[in-house]
Amino acid sequence: MNLIEQKELDINGKIFILSKFPAVQGREIIAKYPLSSLPKLGDYAVSEETMLKLMTFVAVPIEGANPQRLTNKDLVNNHTGDWETLARIEMAMLEYNCSFFQNGRLSTFFDSIAQKIPQWITKILTDLSAQSSRTEKQP
């Protein structure tokens, strides 16, 4: 599968090639990213799996050869070098692939989700508590 609408990004003097997600893979990545990455609610294994799927749409230029796509942990580790560079690439990919994440709105998106989660959890727990506390008339 070819990279779609490639765009180069310089991070710390190293060039990375970002691309658009194909429709189905993009839907999966975007559906899993927010919740799997939230502290204490997310599942790290799902978060890592989703990050690795995202990174398959990132490549690095190789002189005299086709760009190398970052298709596994070793390639991601070797070409990004550190977690901060990886995090910057992830943020850039989300911004590039999602118009509603552009212009710095990604962090406000995650902030708004983080603020709503306690309300959702409280509602779910209240509903479950009410269901389990129902008393029926004794025969």
Protein backbone atom coordinates (compact mmCIF):
# COMPACT_ATOMS: atom_id res chain seq x y z
CA MET A 1 0.00 0.00 0.00
CA ASN A 2 1.37 3.39 -0.99
CA LEU A 3 1.52 6.41 1.25
CA ILE A 4 -1.26 8.90 0.51
CA GLU A 5 -0.66 12.68 0.22
CA GLN A 6 2.85 12.64 1.65
CA LYS A 7 4.17 15.59 3.61
CA GLU A 8 7.65 16.05 5.05
CA LEU A 9 8.17 17.09 8.66
CA ASP A 10 11.47 18.09 10.27
CA ILE A 11 11.81 17.09 13.92
CA ASN A 12 15.15 17.84 15.58
CA GLY A 13 16.91 17.96 12.20
CA LYS A 14 15.53 14.61 11.03
CA ILE A 15 13.01 14.36 8.18
CA PHE A 16 9.92 12.19 8.57
CA ILE A 17 7.37 11.61 5.82
CA LEU A 18 3.79 11.79 7.07
CA SER A 19 0.86 10.53 5.07
CA LYS A 20 -2.90 10.43 5.18
CA PHE A 21 -4.57 7.31 6.57
CA PRO A 22 -6.58 5.13 4.22
CA ALA A 23 -10.28 5.27 5.18
CA VAL A 24 -10.70 2.01 7.11
CA GLN A 25 -7.33 2.09 8.91
CA GLY A 26 -7.85 5.76 9.71
CA ARG A 27 -11.23 5.07 11.24
CA GLU A 28 -9.76 2.37 13.47
CA ILE A 29 -6.80 4.52 14.55
CA ILE A 30 -8.94 7.56 15.35
CA ALA A 31 -11.57 5.47 17.14
CA LYS A 32 -8.96 3.85 19.42
CA TYR A 33 -6.54 6.72 20.00
CA PRO A 34 -8.34 8.98 22.49
CA LEU A 35 -9.62 6.41 24.99
CA SER A 36 -6.65 4.06 24.90
CA SER A 37 -4.32 6.96 25.70
CA LEU A 38 -6.16 8.45 28.67
CA PRO A 39 -4.44 7.83 32.01
CA LYS A 40 -6.00 5.19 34.29
CA LEU A 41 -8.77 4.43 31.78
CA GLY A 42 -6.76 3.40 28.78
CA ASP A 43 -5.34 0.01 28.04
CA TYR A 44 -1.61 0.45 27.32
CA ALA A 45 -1.48 -2.59 25.05
CA VAL A 46 -4.24 -1.11 22.86
CA SER A 47 -2.52 2.29 22.98
CA GLU A 48 0.78 0.79 21.80
CA GLU A 49 -0.92 -1.30 19.11
CA THR A 50 -2.73 1.81 17.83
CA MET A 51 0.49 3.85 17.85
CA LEU A 52 2.24 1.15 15.82
CA LYS A 53 -0.63 1.15 13.29
CA LEU A 54 -0.36 4.93 13.03
CA MET A 55 3.41 4.74 12.54
CA THR A 56 3.03 2.43 9.52
CA PHE A 57 1.89 5.56 7.68
CA VAL A 58 5.14 7.37 8.56
CA ALA A 59 8.36 6.88 6.61
CA VAL A 60 11.91 8.17 6.63
CA PRO A 61 13.81 9.04 3.45
CA ILE A 62 16.67 6.70 2.54
CA GLU A 63 19.25 8.10 0.13
CA GLY A 64 19.24 6.18 -3.14
CA ALA A 65 16.29 4.01 -2.11
CA ASN A 66 12.57 4.15 -1.45
CA PRO A 67 11.56 5.70 1.87
CA GLN A 68 11.52 3.25 4.79
CA ARG A 69 8.09 2.92 6.37
CA LEU A 70 8.10 2.49 10.14
CA THR A 71 6.21 -0.79 10.23
CA ASN A 72 7.39 -2.34 13.51
CA LYS A 73 8.75 -1.47 16.98
CA ASP A 74 12.39 -1.83 15.95
CA LEU A 75 12.04 0.55 12.99
CA VAL A 76 10.11 3.05 15.13
CA ASN A 77 12.76 2.89 17.89
CA ASN A 78 15.70 3.08 15.47
CA HIS A 79 14.39 6.04 13.48
CA THR A 80 12.70 8.11 16.20
CA GLY A 81 15.39 7.64 18.84
CA ASP A 82 13.38 8.77 21.86
CA TRP A 83 9.83 8.88 23.18
CA GLU A 84 9.52 12.65 22.80
CA THR A 85 10.26 12.52 19.08
CA LEU A 86 7.77 9.66 18.76
CA ALA A 87 5.13 11.70 20.62
CA ARG A 88 5.73 14.68 18.30
CA ILE A 89 5.28 12.46 15.25
CA GLU A 90 2.07 11.00 16.69
CA MET A 91 0.66 14.47 17.37
CA ALA A 92 1.67 15.64 13.88
CA MET A 93 0.00 12.61 12.30
CA LEU A 94 -3.24 13.19 14.20
CA GLU A 95 -3.24 16.86 13.25
CA TYR A 96 -2.45 16.04 9.60
CA ASN A 97 -5.15 13.36 9.36
CA CYS A 98 -7.94 15.03 11.34
CA SER A 99 -9.11 18.52 10.47
CA PHE A 100 -10.67 18.86 13.94
CA PHE A 101 -7.24 18.31 15.54
CA GLN A 102 -5.47 21.05 13.55
CA ASN A 103 -4.14 24.35 14.85
CA GLY A 104 -3.46 23.12 18.37
CA ARG A 105 -6.96 21.80 18.95
CA LEU A 106 -5.68 18.28 19.70
CA SER A 107 -4.80 19.04 23.30
CA THR A 108 -8.11 20.84 23.88
CA PHE A 109 -9.92 17.83 22.40
CA PHE A 110 -8.22 15.48 24.88
CA ASP A 111 -8.79 17.96 27.71
CA SER A 112 -12.51 18.10 26.96
CA ILE A 113 -12.73 14.29 26.89
CA ALA A 114 -10.80 14.06 30.17
CA GLN A 115 -13.22 16.53 31.77
CA LYS A 116 -16.29 14.61 30.58
CA ILE A 117 -15.12 11.14 31.62
CA PRO A 118 -15.82 11.58 35.37
CA GLN A 119 -19.39 12.63 34.49
CA TRP A 120 -19.83 9.59 32.25
CA ILE A 121 -18.42 7.25 34.89
CA THR A 122 -20.61 8.77 37.62
CA LYS A 123 -23.70 8.36 35.45
CA ILE A 124 -22.84 4.75 34.62
CA LEU A 125 -22.12 3.89 38.25
CA THR A 126 -25.30 5.63 39.43
CA ASP A 127 -27.38 3.71 36.88
CA LEU A 128 -25.74 0.42 37.83
CA SER A 129 -26.17 1.13 41.53
CA ALA A 130 -29.86 1.90 41.03
CA GLN A 131 -30.34 -1.34 39.12
CA SER A 132 -28.58 -3.46 41.73
CA SER A 133 -30.37 -1.74 44.63
CA ARG A 134 -33.92 -2.31 43.44
CA THR A 135 -36.01 -3.93 46.05
CA GLU A 136 -38.86 -6.13 45.17
CA LYS A 137 -41.80 -6.88 47.39
CA GLN A 138 -41.43 -9.93 49.55
CA PRO A 139 -43.89 -12.70 48.58
